[in-house]
């Protein structure tokens, strides 16, 4: 699923490893999330948002039209 984790992470001046350490996951999982190949739980999404100082809808929101196209 499309997200803006990479953009938010870069704005927060964090490496993938630093973000992974901050939220308790592996760097590889951060990479998969950024590529849209892994859908994190809501709890993990919130941890990521807190770590990069962003709101949930800024990073993970997908417009209905875009969601419908993928399903």
PDB file of N, CA and C in Angstrom:
ATOM      1  N   UNK A   1       0.844  -1.182   0.000  1.00  0.00           N
ATOM      2  CA  UNK A   1       0.000   0.000   0.000  1.00  0.00           C
ATOM      3  C   UNK A   1       0.888   1.244   0.000  1.00  0.00           C
ATOM      4  N   UNK A   2       0.489   2.213  -0.774  1.00  0.00           N
ATOM      5  CA  UNK A   2       1.249   3.461  -0.867  1.00  0.00           C
ATOM      6  C   UNK A   2       1.238   4.198   0.469  1.00  0.00           C
ATOM      7  N   UNK A   3       2.390   4.784   0.783  1.00  0.00           N
ATOM      8  CA  UNK A   3       2.501   5.588   1.998  1.00  0.00           C
ATOM      9  C   UNK A   3       3.608   6.619   1.810  1.00  0.00           C
ATOM     10  N   UNK A   4       3.780   7.475   2.795  1.00  0.00           N
ATOM     11  CA  UNK A   4       4.781   8.534   2.725  1.00  0.00           C
ATOM     12  C   UNK A   4       5.803   8.403   3.850  1.00  0.00           C
ATOM     13  N   UNK A   5       6.086   7.168   4.236  1.00  0.00           N
ATOM     14  CA  UNK A   5       7.020   6.934   5.331  1.00  0.00           C
ATOM     15  C   UNK A   5       8.408   7.447   4.981  1.00  0.00           C
ATOM     16  N   UNK A   6       8.877   7.166   3.789  1.00  0.00           N
ATOM     17  CA  UNK A   6      10.233   7.587   3.419  1.00  0.00           C
ATOM     18  C   UNK A   6      10.365   9.105   3.464  1.00  0.00           C
ATOM     19  N   UNK A   7       9.390   9.802   2.916  1.00  0.00           N
ATOM     20  CA  UNK A   7       9.430  11.266   2.907  1.00  0.00           C
ATOM     21  C   UNK A   7       9.468  11.798   4.336  1.00  0.00           C
ATOM     22  N   UNK A   8       8.604  11.263   5.188  1.00  0.00           N
ATOM     23  CA  UNK A   8       8.554  11.709   6.588  1.00  0.00           C
ATOM     24  C   UNK A   8       9.851  11.373   7.311  1.00  0.00           C
ATOM     25  N   UNK A   9      10.406  10.198   7.036  1.00  0.00           N
ATOM     26  CA  UNK A   9      11.657   9.787   7.682  1.00  0.00           C
ATOM     27  C   UNK A   9      12.796  10.711   7.284  1.00  0.00           C
ATOM     28  N   UNK A  10      12.895  11.025   6.012  1.00  0.00           N
ATOM     29  CA  UNK A  10      13.956  11.911   5.533  1.00  0.00           C
ATOM     30  C   UNK A  10      13.794  13.314   6.123  1.00  0.00           C
ATOM     31  N   UNK A  11      12.550  13.815   6.177  1.00  0.00           N
ATOM     32  CA  UNK A  11      12.297  15.130   6.778  1.00  0.00           C
ATOM     33  C   UNK A  11      12.706  15.160   8.244  1.00  0.00           C
ATOM     34  N   UNK A  12      12.569  14.017   8.919  1.00  0.00           N
ATOM     35  CA  UNK A  12      12.935  13.923  10.333  1.00  0.00           C
ATOM     36  C   UNK A  12      14.424  13.638  10.515  1.00  0.00           C
ATOM     37  N   UNK A  13      15.161  13.596   9.410  1.00  0.00           N
ATOM     38  CA  UNK A  13      16.607  13.328   9.431  1.00  0.00           C
ATOM     39  C   UNK A  13      16.946  12.001  10.114  1.00  0.00           C
ATOM     40  N   UNK A  14      16.173  10.976   9.784  1.00  0.00           N
ATOM     41  CA  UNK A  14      16.412   9.655  10.329  1.00  0.00           C
ATOM     42  C   UNK A  14      16.815   8.694   9.215  1.00  0.00           C
ATOM     43  N   UNK A  15      17.736   7.800   9.531  1.00  0.00           N
ATOM     44  CA  UNK A  15      18.033   6.711   8.609  1.00  0.00           C
ATOM     45  C   UNK A  15      16.986   5.621   8.821  1.00  0.00           C
ATOM     46  N   UNK A  16      16.957   4.658   7.906  1.00  0.00           N
ATOM     47  CA  UNK A  16      16.052   3.534   8.106  1.00  0.00           C
ATOM     48  C   UNK A  16      16.371   2.826   9.422  1.00  0.00           C
ATOM     49  N   UNK A  17      17.652   2.672   9.727  1.00  0.00           N
ATOM     50  CA  UNK A  17      18.046   1.983  10.953  1.00  0.00           C
ATOM     51  C   UNK A  17      17.608   2.758  12.185  1.00  0.00           C
ATOM     52  N   UNK A  18      17.751   4.082  12.155  1.00  0.00           N
ATOM     53  CA  UNK A  18      17.344   4.893  13.296  1.00  0.00           C
ATOM     54  C   UNK A  18      15.835   4.807  13.532  1.00  0.00           C
ATOM     55  N   UNK A  19      15.063   4.836  12.449  1.00  0.00           N
ATOM     56  CA  UNK A  19      13.614   4.699  12.583  1.00  0.00           C
ATOM     57  C   UNK A  19      13.261   3.310  13.109  1.00  0.00           C
ATOM     58  N   UNK A  20      13.920   2.310  12.570  1.00  0.00           N
ATOM     59  CA  UNK A  20      13.676   0.937  13.021  1.00  0.00           C
ATOM     60  C   UNK A  20      13.947   0.796  14.513  1.00  0.00           C
ATOM     61  N   UNK A  21      15.067   1.336  14.955  1.00  0.00           N
ATOM     62  CA  UNK A  21      15.421   1.273  16.380  1.00  0.00           C
ATOM     63  C   UNK A  21      14.393   2.016  17.233  1.00  0.00           C
ATOM     64  N   UNK A  22      13.915   3.142  16.739  1.00  0.00           N
ATOM     65  CA  UNK A  22      12.964   3.961  17.498  1.00  0.00           C
ATOM     66  C   UNK A  22      11.619   3.263  17.689  1.00  0.00           C
ATOM     67  N   UNK A  23      11.220   2.427  16.719  1.00  0.00           N
ATOM     68  CA  UNK A  23       9.899   1.802  16.801  1.00  0.00           C
ATOM     69  C   UNK A  23       9.961   0.304  17.081  1.00  0.00           C
ATOM     70  N   UNK A  24      11.165  -0.244  17.204  1.00  0.00           N
ATOM     71  CA  UNK A  24      11.308  -1.646  17.595  1.00  0.00           C
ATOM     72  C   UNK A  24      11.105  -2.664  16.491  1.00  0.00           C
ATOM     73  N   UNK A  25      11.525  -2.304  15.267  1.00  0.00           N
ATOM     74  CA  UNK A  25      11.454  -3.240  14.148  1.00  0.00           C
ATOM     75  C   UNK A  25      12.819  -3.292  13.469  1.00  0.00           C
ATOM     76  N   UNK A  26      12.950  -4.106  12.443  1.00  0.00           N
ATOM     77  CA  UNK A  26      14.217  -4.190  11.725  1.00  0.00           C
ATOM     78  C   UNK A  26      14.286  -3.147  10.616  1.00  0.00           C
ATOM     79  N   UNK A  27      15.503  -2.846  10.186  1.00  0.00           N
ATOM     80  CA  UNK A  27      15.687  -1.931   9.063  1.00  0.00           C
ATOM     81  C   UNK A  27      15.025  -2.490   7.808  1.00  0.00           C
ATOM     82  N   UNK A  28      15.074  -3.813   7.657  1.00  0.00           N
ATOM     83  CA  UNK A  28      14.458  -4.450   6.487  1.00  0.00           C
ATOM     84  C   UNK A  28      12.947  -4.238   6.476  1.00  0.00           C
ATOM     85  N   UNK A  29      12.335  -4.252   7.651  1.00  0.00           N
ATOM     86  CA  UNK A  29      10.895  -4.006   7.724  1.00  0.00           C
ATOM     87  C   UNK A  29      10.572  -2.570   7.353  1.00  0.00           C
ATOM     88  N   UNK A  30      11.396  -1.634   7.788  1.00  0.00           N
ATOM     89  CA  UNK A  30      11.201  -0.230   7.386  1.00  0.00           C
ATOM     90  C   UNK A  30      11.274  -0.127   5.868  1.00  0.00           C
ATOM     91  N   UNK A  31      12.247  -0.775   5.271  1.00  0.00           N
ATOM     92  CA  UNK A  31      12.403  -0.755   3.820  1.00  0.00           C
ATOM     93  C   UNK A  31      11.158  -1.305   3.128  1.00  0.00           C
ATOM     94  N   UNK A  32      10.643  -2.416   3.608  1.00  0.00           N
ATOM     95  CA  UNK A  32       9.443  -3.015   3.013  1.00  0.00           C
ATOM     96  C   UNK A  32       8.229  -2.107   3.160  1.00  0.00           C
ATOM     97  N   UNK A  33       8.101  -1.454   4.317  1.00  0.00           N
ATOM     98  CA  UNK A  33       6.987  -0.515   4.527  1.00  0.00           C
ATOM     99  C   UNK A  33       7.103   0.633   3.535  1.00  0.00           C
ATOM    100  N   UNK A  34       8.305   1.192   3.398  1.00  0.00           N
ATOM    101  CA  UNK A  34       8.499   2.316   2.479  1.00  0.00           C
ATOM    102  C   UNK A  34       8.195   1.930   1.034  1.00  0.00           C
ATOM    103  N   UNK A  35       8.465   0.699   0.662  1.00  0.00           N
ATOM    104  CA  UNK A  35       8.201   0.226  -0.699  1.00  0.00           C
ATOM    105  C   UNK A  35       6.752  -0.199  -0.900  1.00  0.00           C
ATOM    106  N   UNK A  36       5.974  -0.208   0.173  1.00  0.00           N
ATOM    107  CA  UNK A  36       4.585  -0.620   0.071  1.00  0.00           C
ATOM    108  C   UNK A  36       4.402  -2.128  -0.009  1.00  0.00           C
ATOM    109  N   UNK A  37       5.418  -2.873   0.398  1.00  0.00           N
ATOM    110  CA  UNK A  37       5.354  -4.334   0.326  1.00  0.00           C
ATOM    111  C   UNK A  37       5.009  -4.973   1.664  1.00  0.00           C
ATOM    112  N   UNK A  38       4.826  -4.160   2.686  1.00  0.00           N
ATOM    113  CA  UNK A  38       4.453  -4.652   4.015  1.00  0.00           C
ATOM    114  C   UNK A  38       3.469  -3.664   4.613  1.00  0.00           C
ATOM    115  N   UNK A  39       2.325  -4.170   5.044  1.00  0.00           N
ATOM    116  CA  UNK A  39       1.314  -3.319   5.667  1.00  0.00           C
ATOM    117  C   UNK A  39       1.433  -3.417   7.184  1.00  0.00           C
ATOM    118  N   UNK A  40       1.907  -2.365   7.812  1.00  0.00           N
ATOM    119  CA  UNK A  40       2.077  -2.398   9.269  1.00  0.00           C
ATOM    120  C   UNK A  40       0.736  -2.341   9.991  1.00  0.00           C
ATOM    121  N   UNK A  41       0.743  -2.835  11.207  1.00  0.00           N
ATOM    122  CA  UNK A  41      -0.448  -2.734  12.057  1.00  0.00           C
ATOM    123  C   UNK A  41      -0.709  -1.268  12.384  1.00  0.00           C
ATOM    124  N   UNK A  42      -1.893  -0.998  12.852  1.00  0.00           N
ATOM    125  CA  UNK A  42      -2.222   0.370  13.261  1.00  0.00           C
ATOM    126  C   UNK A  42      -1.285   0.831  14.368  1.00  0.00           C
ATOM    127  N   UNK A  43      -0.997  -0.051  15.297  1.00  0.00           N
ATOM    128  CA  UNK A  43      -0.089   0.286  16.399  1.00  0.00           C
ATOM    129  C   UNK A  43       1.286   0.686  15.867  1.00  0.00           C
ATOM    130  N   UNK A  44       1.804  -0.071  14.913  1.00  0.00           N
ATOM    131  CA  UNK A  44       3.110   0.257  14.331  1.00  0.00           C
ATOM    132  C   UNK A  44       3.032   1.559  13.541  1.00  0.00           C
ATOM    133  N   UNK A  45       1.946   1.767  12.821  1.00  0.00           N
ATOM    134  CA  UNK A  45       1.769   3.033  12.090  1.00  0.00           C
ATOM    135  C   UNK A  45       1.853   4.215  13.050  1.00  0.00           C
ATOM    136  N   UNK A  46       1.199   4.093  14.192  1.00  0.00           N
ATOM    137  CA  UNK A  46       1.231   5.171  15.180  1.00  0.00           C
ATOM    138  C   UNK A  46       2.633   5.382  15.739  1.00  0.00           C
ATOM    139  N   UNK A  47       3.346   4.306  16.016  1.00  0.00           N
ATOM    140  CA  UNK A  47       4.723   4.425  16.499  1.00  0.00           C
ATOM    141  C   UNK A  47       5.596   5.148  15.467  1.00  0.00           C
ATOM    142  N   UNK A  48       5.417   4.812  14.212  1.00  0.00           N
ATOM    143  CA  UNK A  48       6.177   5.476  13.143  1.00  0.00           C
ATOM    144  C   UNK A  48       5.839   6.959  13.120  1.00  0.00           C
ATOM    145  N   UNK A  49       4.561   7.290  13.200  1.00  0.00           N
ATOM    146  CA  UNK A  49       4.142   8.693  13.188  1.00  0.00           C
ATOM    147  C   UNK A  49       4.758   9.464  14.347  1.00  0.00           C
ATOM    148  N   UNK A  50       4.749   8.881  15.537  1.00  0.00           N
ATOM    149  CA  UNK A  50       5.342   9.555  16.690  1.00  0.00           C
ATOM    150  C   UNK A  50       6.841   9.758  16.490  1.00  0.00           C
ATOM    151  N   UNK A  51       7.500   8.772  15.901  1.00  0.00           N
ATOM    152  CA  UNK A  51       8.955   8.846  15.713  1.00  0.00           C
ATOM    153  C   UNK A  51       9.353   9.919  14.706  1.00  0.00           C
ATOM    154  N   UNK A  52       8.510  10.156  13.695  1.00  0.00           N
ATOM    155  CA  UNK A  52       8.851  11.152  12.667  1.00  0.00           C
ATOM    156  C   UNK A  52       8.075  12.456  12.860  1.00  0.00           C
ATOM    157  N   UNK A  53       7.331  12.549  13.964  1.00  0.00           N
ATOM    158  CA  UNK A  53       6.581  13.766  14.307  1.00  0.00           C
ATOM    159  C   UNK A  53       5.604  14.165  13.204  1.00  0.00           C
ATOM    160  N   UNK A  54       4.786  13.183  12.790  1.00  0.00           N
ATOM    161  CA  UNK A  54       3.787  13.427  11.753  1.00  0.00           C
ATOM    162  C   UNK A  54       2.464  12.808  12.172  1.00  0.00           C
ATOM    163  N   UNK A  55       1.405  13.219  11.494  1.00  0.00           N
ATOM    164  CA  UNK A  55       0.083  12.682  11.775  1.00  0.00           C
ATOM    165  C   UNK A  55      -0.174  11.454  10.908  1.00  0.00           C
ATOM    166  N   UNK A  56      -1.014  10.582  11.405  1.00  0.00           N
ATOM    167  CA  UNK A  56      -1.327   9.339  10.712  1.00  0.00           C
ATOM    168  C   UNK A  56      -1.801   9.587   9.280  1.00  0.00           C
ATOM    169  N   UNK A  57      -2.691  10.555   9.109  1.00  0.00           N
ATOM    170  CA  UNK A  57      -3.220  10.803   7.769  1.00  0.00           C
ATOM    171  C   UNK A  57      -2.186  11.424   6.830  1.00  0.00           C
ATOM    172  N   UNK A  58      -1.152  12.030   7.353  1.00  0.00           N
ATOM    173  CA  UNK A  58      -0.094  12.588   6.509  1.00  0.00           C
ATOM    174  C   UNK A  58       0.781  11.495   5.902  1.00  0.00           C
ATOM    175  N   UNK A  59       0.876  10.379   6.583  1.00  0.00           N
ATOM    176  CA  UNK A  59       1.779   9.320   6.138  1.00  0.00           C
ATOM    177  C   UNK A  59       1.054   8.154   5.490  1.00  0.00           C
ATOM    178  N   UNK A  60      -0.078   7.763   6.047  1.00  0.00           N
ATOM    179  CA  UNK A  60      -0.709   6.525   5.602  1.00  0.00           C
ATOM    180  C   UNK A  60      -2.051   6.679   4.901  1.00  0.00           C
ATOM    181  N   UNK A  61      -2.592   7.880   4.811  1.00  0.00           N
ATOM    182  CA  UNK A  61      -3.909   8.030   4.216  1.00  0.00           C
ATOM    183  C   UNK A  61      -3.869   7.779   2.721  1.00  0.00           C
ATOM    184  N   UNK A  62      -4.869   7.038   2.224  1.00  0.00           N
ATOM    185  CA  UNK A  62      -5.032   6.786   0.796  1.00  0.00           C
ATOM    186  C   UNK A  62      -6.437   7.231   0.422  1.00  0.00           C
ATOM    187  N   UNK A  63      -6.541   8.056  -0.603  1.00  0.00           N
ATOM    188  CA  UNK A  63      -7.858   8.520  -1.037  1.00  0.00           C
ATOM    189  C   UNK A  63      -8.685   7.345  -1.553  1.00  0.00           C
ATOM    190  N   UNK A  64      -9.994   7.415  -1.392  1.00  0.00           N
ATOM    191  CA  UNK A  64     -10.878   6.323  -1.770  1.00  0.00           C
ATOM    192  C   UNK A  64     -10.692   5.911  -3.225  1.00  0.00           C
ATOM    193  N   UNK A  65     -10.555   6.867  -4.110  1.00  0.00           N
ATOM    194  CA  UNK A  65     -10.398   6.560  -5.532  1.00  0.00           C
ATOM    195  C   UNK A  65      -9.145   5.727  -5.777  1.00  0.00           C
ATOM    196  N   UNK A  66      -8.084   6.103  -5.110  1.00  0.00           N
ATOM    197  CA  UNK A  66      -6.822   5.377  -5.253  1.00  0.00           C
ATOM    198  C   UNK A  66      -6.942   3.977  -4.656  1.00  0.00           C
ATOM    199  N   UNK A  67      -7.619   3.867  -3.529  1.00  0.00           N
ATOM    200  CA  UNK A  67      -7.827   2.581  -2.885  1.00  0.00           C
ATOM    201  C   UNK A  67      -8.657   1.675  -3.783  1.00  0.00           C
ATOM    202  N   UNK A  68      -9.721   2.212  -4.387  1.00  0.00           N
ATOM    203  CA  UNK A  68     -10.607   1.430  -5.253  1.00  0.00           C
ATOM    204  C   UNK A  68      -9.858   0.911  -6.477  1.00  0.00           C
ATOM    205  N   UNK A  69      -8.918   1.694  -6.992  1.00  0.00           N
ATOM    206  CA  UNK A  69      -8.149   1.278  -8.168  1.00  0.00           C
ATOM    207  C   UNK A  69      -7.310   0.036  -7.870  1.00  0.00           C
ATOM    208  N   UNK A  70      -6.847  -0.096  -6.656  1.00  0.00           N
ATOM    209  CA  UNK A  70      -5.957  -1.200  -6.306  1.00  0.00           C
ATOM    210  C   UNK A  70      -6.715  -2.449  -5.887  1.00  0.00           C
ATOM    211  N   UNK A  71      -8.001  -2.336  -5.636  1.00  0.00           N
ATOM    212  CA  UNK A  71      -8.772  -3.501  -5.173  1.00  0.00           C
ATOM    213  C   UNK A  71      -9.708  -4.007  -6.234  1.00  0.00           C
TER     214      UNK A  71
END
